[in-house]
Protein backbone atom coordinates (compact mmCIF):
# COMPACT_ATOMS: atom_id res chain seq x y z
CA UNK A 1 140.75 57.56 -82.15
CA UNK A 2 141.10 56.53 -78.53
CA UNK A 3 139.24 53.37 -77.22
CA UNK A 4 137.49 55.19 -74.66
CA UNK A 5 136.33 57.49 -78.09
CA UNK A 6 135.76 53.77 -79.83
CA UNK A 7 133.66 52.29 -76.91
CA UNK A 8 131.74 55.98 -76.60
CA UNK A 9 130.91 55.79 -79.89
CA UNK A 10 129.80 51.47 -80.40
CA UNK A 11 128.80 51.31 -76.89
CA UNK A 12 124.79 52.79 -77.64
CA UNK A 13 124.42 50.51 -81.39
CA UNK A 14 125.75 47.67 -79.08
CA UNK A 15 123.10 48.75 -76.39
CA UNK A 16 120.36 49.07 -78.39
CA UNK A 17 121.40 45.10 -81.10
CA UNK A 18 121.45 43.80 -77.12
CA UNK A 19 117.84 45.42 -76.98
CA UNK A 20 116.28 43.79 -79.99
CA UNK A 21 117.91 40.33 -79.32
CA UNK A 22 116.56 40.01 -76.30
CA UNK A 23 112.65 39.67 -75.71
CA UNK A 24 111.60 42.24 -73.25
CA UNK A 25 110.79 41.04 -70.11
CA UNK A 26 107.89 42.19 -67.39
CA UNK A 27 110.32 40.50 -64.22
CA UNK A 28 111.58 42.44 -61.09
CA UNK A 29 112.85 45.88 -62.13
CA UNK A 30 116.77 47.04 -62.05
CA UNK A 31 115.97 50.58 -60.67
CA UNK A 32 117.64 51.46 -57.61
CA UNK A 33 115.08 53.77 -57.21
CA UNK A 34 111.71 51.29 -57.16
CA UNK A 35 113.80 48.51 -55.47
CA UNK A 36 113.43 50.83 -52.30
CA UNK A 37 110.56 52.77 -52.83
CA UNK A 38 108.57 50.56 -54.46
CA UNK A 39 107.67 53.28 -56.62
CA UNK A 40 108.96 53.75 -60.66
CA UNK A 41 110.76 56.30 -61.02
CA UNK A 42 110.54 58.74 -63.95
CA UNK A 43 112.73 56.81 -66.41
CA UNK A 44 111.41 53.22 -65.43
CA UNK A 45 110.12 51.38 -68.16
CA UNK A 46 112.20 53.13 -70.50
CA UNK A 47 114.68 49.86 -71.39
CA UNK A 48 110.97 48.13 -71.39
CA UNK A 49 109.58 50.64 -74.14
CA UNK A 50 113.08 51.17 -75.63
CA UNK A 51 113.26 46.97 -76.62
CA UNK A 52 109.64 46.56 -77.08
CA UNK A 53 109.95 50.00 -79.54
CA UNK A 54 112.86 48.44 -81.49
CA UNK A 55 110.94 44.74 -82.09
CA UNK A 56 108.40 46.84 -83.75
CA UNK A 57 106.19 47.17 -80.55
CA UNK A 58 104.73 50.34 -80.28
CA UNK A 59 102.13 49.58 -78.38
CA UNK A 60 103.23 48.02 -75.75
CA UNK A 61 106.64 50.53 -75.60
CA UNK A 62 104.04 53.64 -75.19
CA UNK A 63 101.95 51.83 -72.27
CA UNK A 64 106.41 51.87 -70.37
CA UNK A 65 106.61 55.08 -70.64
CA UNK A 66 105.42 57.44 -73.41
CA UNK A 67 108.56 59.27 -73.77
CA UNK A 68 110.16 56.55 -75.61
CA UNK A 69 110.46 58.53 -78.94
CA UNK A 70 111.29 61.51 -77.74
CA UNK A 71 114.03 60.40 -75.88
CA UNK A 72 115.53 58.14 -78.27
CA UNK A 73 115.53 61.37 -80.76
CA UNK A 74 116.95 63.34 -78.51
CA UNK A 75 119.54 59.94 -77.56
CA UNK A 76 119.91 59.71 -81.73
CA UNK A 77 121.16 63.75 -81.95
CA UNK A 78 123.30 63.80 -78.73
CA UNK A 79 125.34 60.19 -80.20
CA UNK A 80 125.29 62.11 -84.03
CA UNK A 81 126.90 65.05 -82.40
CA UNK A 82 129.11 63.79 -80.41
CA UNK A 83 130.45 61.12 -83.72
CA UNK A 84 130.44 64.52 -85.72
CA UNK A 85 132.51 66.61 -82.92
CA UNK A 86 135.00 63.35 -82.43
CA UNK A 87 135.86 63.08 -86.07
CA UNK A 88 136.65 66.86 -86.35
CA UNK A 89 133.20 67.36 -88.30
CA UNK A 90 131.81 69.96 -86.15
CA UNK A 91 131.73 71.84 -82.38
CA UNK A 92 131.02 71.18 -78.93
CA UNK A 93 127.33 71.47 -79.16
CA UNK A 94 126.67 74.53 -77.07
CA UNK A 95 126.28 74.51 -73.69
CA UNK A 96 123.04 76.93 -74.11
CA UNK A 97 121.34 74.19 -76.38
CA UNK A 98 122.81 70.70 -73.96
CA UNK A 99 120.77 73.02 -70.17
CA UNK A 100 118.06 73.33 -72.45
CA UNK A 101 117.54 70.33 -73.63
CA UNK A 102 118.70 68.55 -69.74
CA UNK A 103 115.72 71.43 -68.53
CA UNK A 104 113.81 69.68 -70.88
CA UNK A 105 113.99 66.45 -70.39
CA UNK A 106 113.27 66.63 -67.07
CA UNK A 107 110.17 68.61 -66.62
CA UNK A 108 108.81 65.91 -69.37
CA UNK A 109 109.64 63.25 -67.00
CA UNK A 110 108.29 64.30 -64.12
CA UNK A 111 105.78 65.83 -65.51
CA UNK A 112 104.41 62.32 -67.35
CA UNK A 113 105.44 60.72 -63.89
CA UNK A 114 102.90 62.73 -61.83
CA UNK A 115 100.45 61.64 -64.25
CA UNK A 116 101.10 58.34 -64.47
CA UNK A 117 101.66 58.28 -60.72
CA UNK A 118 98.09 60.02 -59.81
CA UNK A 119 96.17 57.66 -62.74
CA UNK A 120 97.54 54.37 -61.57
CA UNK A 121 98.76 53.79 -64.75
CA UNK A 122 103.27 53.47 -63.61
CA UNK A 123 104.72 50.69 -64.59
CA UNK A 124 105.30 47.27 -62.27
CA UNK A 125 108.19 47.23 -60.10
């Protein structure tokens, strides 16, 4: 296993540990799109939502981004498949599945963003 493989396998775990230890902040966003436009992008609030979710505050997590749970499940499945593939226990993910997951995620993120933008419930920038 190469150093690159080790990094790709451990980085998600390290990121979740950091989000679990560092308290979520309601401070200024780091999103370049939000900083330039002054409006939250379709993914804005996801990091704070994951942080709240890891720390057990489901209501706050869903307030920051209602798609936090499906996105985490999808990311977990992708990471697990990658792990199995790198260990030689599975083949590469079928391209058709990857494309479908990417398109469905994009459509869901934009649809939720439109609803939140029109109802004034986007997370703070």
